[in-house]
Amino acid sequence: MASCSLSSAWTAKQNKVFEKALVEYDEDTADRWHKVARAVGGKSAEEVKRHYQLLVEDILRIETGQMPRANYHSAGIRGTLPSYLPVPSPAFS
């Protein structure tokens, strides 16, 4: 298991900036992960790439029934999955 450092913890603000940066820097953007990391602040390109991979893996588990869907409606949260997320795939390049 990888060691846990302070930089591995993500704040709510960093997650929000991360989501916005994924929209701004789509998969065709050169140096995407460096640009996302710069936008988020306090994270390396490798950390933001891994954060994205974990997000996609979570979505894949939800879509395949391995993880229950969160009941956002009952929590007062409305909306759908962000449009910047790809169709989940278990393989990463």
C-alpha atoms as a PDB file:
ATOM      1  CA  MET A   1       0.000   0.000   0.000  1.00  0.00           C
ATOM      2  CA  ALA A   2       1.257   3.489  -0.803  1.00  0.00           C
ATOM      3  CA  SER A   3       2.275   5.717   2.048  1.00  0.00           C
ATOM      4  CA  CYS A   4      -0.149   8.430   3.046  1.00  0.00           C
ATOM      5  CA  SER A   5       1.100  11.995   3.082  1.00  0.00           C
ATOM      6  CA  LEU A   6      -0.578  15.258   3.951  1.00  0.00           C
ATOM      7  CA  SER A   7      -0.780  16.065   0.262  1.00  0.00           C
ATOM      8  CA  SER A   8      -2.902  12.938  -0.291  1.00  0.00           C
ATOM      9  CA  ALA A   9      -5.837  14.465   1.616  1.00  0.00           C
ATOM     10  CA  TRP A  10      -8.212  16.436  -0.609  1.00  0.00           C
ATOM     11  CA  THR A  11     -10.269  19.329   0.722  1.00  0.00           C
ATOM     12  CA  ALA A  12     -13.770  20.064  -0.536  1.00  0.00           C
ATOM     13  CA  LYS A  13     -12.384  23.196  -2.199  1.00  0.00           C
ATOM     14  CA  GLN A  14      -9.641  21.228  -3.974  1.00  0.00           C
ATOM     15  CA  ASN A  15     -12.212  18.708  -5.203  1.00  0.00           C
ATOM     16  CA  LYS A  16     -14.389  21.492  -6.591  1.00  0.00           C
ATOM     17  CA  VAL A  17     -11.412  23.108  -8.363  1.00  0.00           C
ATOM     18  CA  PHE A  18     -10.400  19.649  -9.613  1.00  0.00           C
ATOM     19  CA  GLU A  19     -13.854  19.129 -11.153  1.00  0.00           C
ATOM     20  CA  LYS A  20     -13.772  22.521 -12.844  1.00  0.00           C
ATOM     21  CA  ALA A  21     -10.235  21.916 -14.128  1.00  0.00           C
ATOM     22  CA  LEU A  22     -11.339  18.603 -15.671  1.00  0.00           C
ATOM     23  CA  VAL A  23     -13.915  20.523 -17.668  1.00  0.00           C
ATOM     24  CA  GLU A  24     -11.416  23.184 -18.713  1.00  0.00           C
ATOM     25  CA  TYR A  25      -8.618  20.739 -19.551  1.00  0.00           C
ATOM     26  CA  ASP A  26     -10.280  17.851 -21.372  1.00  0.00           C
ATOM     27  CA  GLU A  27      -8.570  14.606 -22.352  1.00  0.00           C
ATOM     28  CA  ASP A  28      -7.196  16.174 -25.550  1.00  0.00           C
ATOM     29  CA  THR A  29      -5.325  18.907 -23.657  1.00  0.00           C
ATOM     30  CA  ALA A  30      -1.534  18.668 -23.799  1.00  0.00           C
ATOM     31  CA  ASP A  31      -0.015  18.284 -20.316  1.00  0.00           C
ATOM     32  CA  ARG A  32      -3.529  17.873 -18.899  1.00  0.00           C
ATOM     33  CA  TRP A  33      -2.496  16.544 -15.496  1.00  0.00           C
ATOM     34  CA  HIS A  34       0.130  19.251 -14.974  1.00  0.00           C
ATOM     35  CA  LYS A  35      -2.453  21.925 -15.769  1.00  0.00           C
ATOM     36  CA  VAL A  36      -5.056  20.341 -13.489  1.00  0.00           C
ATOM     37  CA  ALA A  37      -2.458  20.067 -10.701  1.00  0.00           C
ATOM     38  CA  ARG A  38      -1.493  23.721 -11.131  1.00  0.00           C
ATOM     39  CA  ALA A  39      -5.167  24.735 -10.934  1.00  0.00           C
ATOM     40  CA  VAL A  40      -5.813  22.628  -7.816  1.00  0.00           C
ATOM     41  CA  GLY A  41      -2.638  23.666  -6.014  1.00  0.00           C
ATOM     42  CA  GLY A  42      -0.715  21.532  -3.551  1.00  0.00           C
ATOM     43  CA  LYS A  43      -0.978  18.415  -5.722  1.00  0.00           C
ATOM     44  CA  SER A  44       1.387  16.853  -8.234  1.00  0.00           C
ATOM     45  CA  ALA A  45       0.363  15.818 -11.735  1.00  0.00           C
ATOM     46  CA  GLU A  46       0.607  12.197 -10.600  1.00  0.00           C
ATOM     47  CA  GLU A  47      -1.668  12.864  -7.610  1.00  0.00           C
ATOM     48  CA  VAL A  48      -4.399  14.488  -9.702  1.00  0.00           C
ATOM     49  CA  LYS A  49      -4.183  11.721 -12.305  1.00  0.00           C
ATOM     50  CA  ARG A  50      -4.554   9.088  -9.567  1.00  0.00           C
ATOM     51  CA  HIS A  51      -7.449  11.045  -8.025  1.00  0.00           C
ATOM     52  CA  TYR A  52      -9.169  10.990 -11.416  1.00  0.00           C
ATOM     53  CA  GLN A  53      -8.518   7.258 -11.829  1.00  0.00           C
ATOM     54  CA  LEU A  54     -10.037   6.557  -8.409  1.00  0.00           C
ATOM     55  CA  LEU A  55     -13.073   8.648  -9.327  1.00  0.00           C
ATOM     56  CA  VAL A  56     -13.587   6.689 -12.551  1.00  0.00           C
ATOM     57  CA  GLU A  57     -13.107   3.388 -10.676  1.00  0.00           C
ATOM     58  CA  ASP A  58     -15.768   4.434  -8.143  1.00  0.00           C
ATOM     59  CA  ILE A  59     -18.170   5.275 -10.958  1.00  0.00           C
ATOM     60  CA  LEU A  60     -17.475   1.922 -12.605  1.00  0.00           C
ATOM     61  CA  ARG A  61     -18.230   0.115  -9.313  1.00  0.00           C
ATOM     62  CA  ILE A  62     -21.468   2.067  -8.948  1.00  0.00           C
ATOM     63  CA  GLU A  63     -22.516   1.374 -12.537  1.00  0.00           C
ATOM     64  CA  THR A  64     -21.767  -2.362 -12.203  1.00  0.00           C
ATOM     65  CA  GLY A  65     -23.651  -2.634  -8.903  1.00  0.00           C
ATOM     66  CA  GLN A  66     -20.556  -3.278  -6.786  1.00  0.00           C
ATOM     67  CA  MET A  67     -21.166  -0.119  -4.776  1.00  0.00           C
ATOM     68  CA  PRO A  68     -24.583   1.322  -3.905  1.00  0.00           C
ATOM     69  CA  ARG A  69     -25.517   4.647  -5.433  1.00  0.00           C
ATOM     70  CA  ALA A  70     -25.584   7.565  -3.035  1.00  0.00           C
ATOM     71  CA  ASN A  71     -29.073   8.864  -2.401  1.00  0.00           C
ATOM     72  CA  TYR A  72     -28.357  12.501  -3.170  1.00  0.00           C
ATOM     73  CA  HIS A  73     -32.035  13.351  -3.533  1.00  0.00           C
ATOM     74  CA  SER A  74     -32.775  12.458   0.089  1.00  0.00           C
ATOM     75  CA  ALA A  75     -29.734  14.466   1.154  1.00  0.00           C
ATOM     76  CA  GLY A  76     -31.129  17.534  -0.587  1.00  0.00           C
ATOM     77  CA  ILE A  77     -28.606  17.378  -3.418  1.00  0.00           C
ATOM     78  CA  ARG A  78     -29.914  17.447  -6.966  1.00  0.00           C
ATOM     79  CA  GLY A  79     -28.196  16.775 -10.259  1.00  0.00           C
ATOM     80  CA  THR A  80     -26.481  14.105 -12.272  1.00  0.00           C
ATOM     81  CA  LEU A  81     -22.942  12.919 -12.758  1.00  0.00           C
ATOM     82  CA  PRO A  82     -20.755  15.624 -14.267  1.00  0.00           C
ATOM     83  CA  SER A  83     -20.585  15.583 -18.063  1.00  0.00           C
ATOM     84  CA  TYR A  84     -16.766  15.657 -18.065  1.00  0.00           C
ATOM     85  CA  LEU A  85     -16.582  12.077 -16.811  1.00  0.00           C
ATOM     86  CA  PRO A  86     -15.996   9.461 -19.485  1.00  0.00           C
ATOM     87  CA  VAL A  87     -17.900   6.250 -19.937  1.00  0.00           C
ATOM     88  CA  PRO A  88     -16.175   4.148 -17.262  1.00  0.00           C
ATOM     89  CA  SER A  89     -13.505   1.766 -18.447  1.00  0.00           C
ATOM     90  CA  PRO A  90     -11.426  -0.513 -16.235  1.00  0.00           C
ATOM     91  CA  ALA A  91      -8.248   0.147 -18.253  1.00  0.00           C
ATOM     92  CA  PHE A  92      -6.150   3.314 -18.076  1.00  0.00           C
ATOM     93  CA  SER A  93      -3.394   4.456 -20.379  1.00  0.00           C
END
